[in-house]
């Protein structure tokens, strides 16, 4: 549950200082893990979108 909350906060661009205040016991290192996970998901989404766009060009 805590990890889901931290991930949602990171996805919504909540400042790190606010996230640390809200999460209380979380260290900056742990916060970085969630930020990195969100960035990885964003990159994966971009790649998926680009792949779909390439497939659409091939079909046309």
N, C-alpha and C. Protein backbone atom coordinates (compact mmCIF):
# COMPACT_ATOMS: atom_id res chain seq x y z
N UNK A 1 0.82 -1.18 0.00
CA UNK A 1 0.00 0.00 0.00
C UNK A 1 0.87 1.26 0.00
N UNK A 2 1.89 1.29 0.83
CA UNK A 2 2.78 2.45 0.87
C UNK A 2 3.46 2.63 -0.48
N UNK A 3 3.90 1.53 -1.08
CA UNK A 3 4.58 1.65 -2.36
C UNK A 3 3.64 2.17 -3.44
N UNK A 4 2.39 1.77 -3.39
CA UNK A 4 1.41 2.26 -4.38
C UNK A 4 1.18 3.76 -4.21
N UNK A 5 1.07 4.20 -2.98
CA UNK A 5 0.89 5.64 -2.72
C UNK A 5 2.09 6.42 -3.22
N UNK A 6 3.29 5.95 -2.90
CA UNK A 6 4.51 6.63 -3.34
C UNK A 6 4.59 6.68 -4.86
N UNK A 7 4.22 5.60 -5.51
CA UNK A 7 4.24 5.57 -6.96
C UNK A 7 3.25 6.57 -7.54
N UNK A 8 2.05 6.62 -6.99
CA UNK A 8 1.03 7.56 -7.48
C UNK A 8 1.47 9.01 -7.29
N UNK A 9 2.09 9.29 -6.16
CA UNK A 9 2.59 10.64 -5.93
C UNK A 9 3.66 11.00 -6.96
N UNK A 10 4.56 10.08 -7.22
CA UNK A 10 5.62 10.32 -8.19
C UNK A 10 5.04 10.49 -9.59
N UNK A 11 4.03 9.70 -9.93
CA UNK A 11 3.39 9.81 -11.25
C UNK A 11 2.74 11.17 -11.45
N UNK A 12 2.30 11.77 -10.36
CA UNK A 12 1.61 13.05 -10.44
C UNK A 12 2.53 14.24 -10.15
N UNK A 13 3.83 14.00 -10.27
CA UNK A 13 4.84 15.07 -10.12
C UNK A 13 4.77 15.81 -8.80
N UNK A 14 4.43 15.10 -7.73
CA UNK A 14 4.45 15.70 -6.40
C UNK A 14 5.92 15.93 -6.04
N UNK A 15 6.27 17.11 -5.55
CA UNK A 15 7.68 17.38 -5.20
C UNK A 15 8.21 16.37 -4.17
N UNK A 16 9.49 16.06 -4.31
CA UNK A 16 10.12 15.09 -3.41
C UNK A 16 9.97 15.49 -1.95
N UNK A 17 10.13 16.77 -1.66
CA UNK A 17 10.03 17.21 -0.26
C UNK A 17 8.63 16.93 0.29
N UNK A 18 7.62 17.09 -0.53
CA UNK A 18 6.25 16.80 -0.10
C UNK A 18 6.05 15.31 0.09
N UNK A 19 6.60 14.52 -0.84
CA UNK A 19 6.48 13.07 -0.71
C UNK A 19 7.14 12.58 0.57
N UNK A 20 8.33 13.09 0.86
CA UNK A 20 9.03 12.68 2.09
C UNK A 20 8.23 13.07 3.32
N UNK A 21 7.62 14.25 3.30
CA UNK A 21 6.83 14.69 4.45
C UNK A 21 5.58 13.81 4.62
N UNK A 22 4.95 13.48 3.51
CA UNK A 22 3.74 12.65 3.57
C UNK A 22 4.03 11.22 3.98
N UNK A 23 5.13 10.67 3.48
CA UNK A 23 5.44 9.27 3.72
C UNK A 23 6.13 9.06 5.07
N UNK A 24 6.62 10.12 5.67
CA UNK A 24 7.19 10.05 7.01
C UNK A 24 8.50 9.31 7.11
N UNK A 25 8.47 8.01 7.17
CA UNK A 25 9.66 7.20 7.43
C UNK A 25 10.50 6.93 6.18
N UNK A 26 10.03 7.31 5.02
CA UNK A 26 10.72 6.95 3.78
C UNK A 26 12.03 7.73 3.64
N UNK A 27 13.06 7.02 3.24
CA UNK A 27 14.36 7.66 3.02
C UNK A 27 14.41 8.22 1.60
N UNK A 28 15.34 9.10 1.36
CA UNK A 28 15.52 9.67 0.02
C UNK A 28 15.89 8.56 -0.98
N UNK A 29 16.66 7.58 -0.54
CA UNK A 29 17.04 6.46 -1.42
C UNK A 29 15.81 5.68 -1.87
N UNK A 30 14.88 5.44 -0.96
CA UNK A 30 13.66 4.72 -1.30
C UNK A 30 12.81 5.57 -2.25
N UNK A 31 12.77 6.85 -2.00
CA UNK A 31 12.03 7.76 -2.86
C UNK A 31 12.57 7.71 -4.29
N UNK A 32 13.88 7.63 -4.42
CA UNK A 32 14.51 7.53 -5.74
C UNK A 32 14.06 6.27 -6.46
N UNK A 33 13.89 5.19 -5.74
CA UNK A 33 13.43 3.94 -6.36
C UNK A 33 12.07 4.11 -7.02
N UNK A 34 11.17 4.80 -6.33
CA UNK A 34 9.85 5.01 -6.90
C UNK A 34 9.92 5.95 -8.09
N UNK A 35 10.75 6.97 -8.01
CA UNK A 35 10.90 7.90 -9.11
C UNK A 35 11.47 7.20 -10.34
N UNK A 36 12.43 6.33 -10.14
CA UNK A 36 13.03 5.58 -11.24
C UNK A 36 11.99 4.63 -11.85
N UNK A 37 11.19 4.00 -11.01
CA UNK A 37 10.16 3.08 -11.52
C UNK A 37 9.16 3.83 -12.39
N UNK A 38 8.77 5.01 -11.98
CA UNK A 38 7.82 5.81 -12.76
C UNK A 38 8.45 6.21 -14.09
N UNK A 39 9.72 6.59 -14.07
CA UNK A 39 10.40 6.96 -15.31
C UNK A 39 10.49 5.76 -16.26
N UNK A 40 10.77 4.59 -15.73
CA UNK A 40 10.83 3.39 -16.57
C UNK A 40 9.48 3.10 -17.21
N UNK A 41 8.41 3.25 -16.44
CA UNK A 41 7.07 3.02 -16.99
C UNK A 41 6.76 4.03 -18.09
N UNK A 42 7.18 5.27 -17.90
CA UNK A 42 6.94 6.30 -18.91
C UNK A 42 7.68 5.97 -20.20
N UNK A 43 8.93 5.56 -20.09
CA UNK A 43 9.72 5.19 -21.27
C UNK A 43 9.09 3.99 -21.97
N UNK A 44 8.63 3.01 -21.21
CA UNK A 44 7.98 1.84 -21.80
C UNK A 44 6.72 2.25 -22.55
N UNK A 45 5.97 3.19 -22.01
CA UNK A 45 4.78 3.68 -22.68
C UNK A 45 5.10 4.39 -23.97
N UNK A 46 6.16 5.17 -23.98
CA UNK A 46 6.58 5.87 -25.19
C UNK A 46 7.00 4.86 -26.25
N UNK A 47 7.75 3.86 -25.86
CA UNK A 47 8.19 2.83 -26.81
C UNK A 47 7.00 2.07 -27.40
N UNK A 48 6.03 1.78 -26.56
CA UNK A 48 4.83 1.09 -27.04
C UNK A 48 4.09 1.96 -28.05
N UNK A 49 3.98 3.24 -27.75
CA UNK A 49 3.31 4.18 -28.66
C UNK A 49 4.06 4.27 -29.99
N UNK A 50 5.37 4.37 -29.92
CA UNK A 50 6.18 4.44 -31.15
C UNK A 50 6.04 3.17 -31.97
N UNK A 51 6.02 2.03 -31.31
CA UNK A 51 5.87 0.76 -32.01
C UNK A 51 4.51 0.70 -32.73
N UNK A 52 3.47 1.14 -32.05
CA UNK A 52 2.13 1.15 -32.66
C UNK A 52 2.11 2.11 -33.85
N UNK A 53 2.77 3.25 -33.74
CA UNK A 53 2.81 4.20 -34.85
C UNK A 53 3.53 3.61 -36.05
N UNK A 54 4.62 2.87 -35.80
CA UNK A 54 5.35 2.23 -36.90
C UNK A 54 4.47 1.18 -37.57
N UNK A 55 3.72 0.42 -36.79
CA UNK A 55 2.83 -0.59 -37.34
C UNK A 55 1.75 0.04 -38.21
N UNK A 56 1.25 1.18 -37.79
CA UNK A 56 0.23 1.88 -38.56
C UNK A 56 0.79 2.36 -39.89
N UNK A 57 2.04 2.80 -39.91
CA UNK A 57 2.68 3.26 -41.16
C UNK A 57 2.86 2.08 -42.12
N UNK A 58 3.21 0.93 -41.56
CA UNK A 58 3.43 -0.26 -42.39
C UNK A 58 2.12 -0.69 -43.05
N UNK A 59 1.03 -0.60 -42.33
CA UNK A 59 -0.28 -1.01 -42.84
C UNK A 59 -0.82 -0.09 -43.92
N UNK A 60 -0.37 1.15 -43.93
CA UNK A 60 -0.90 2.12 -44.90
C UNK A 60 -0.26 2.03 -46.23
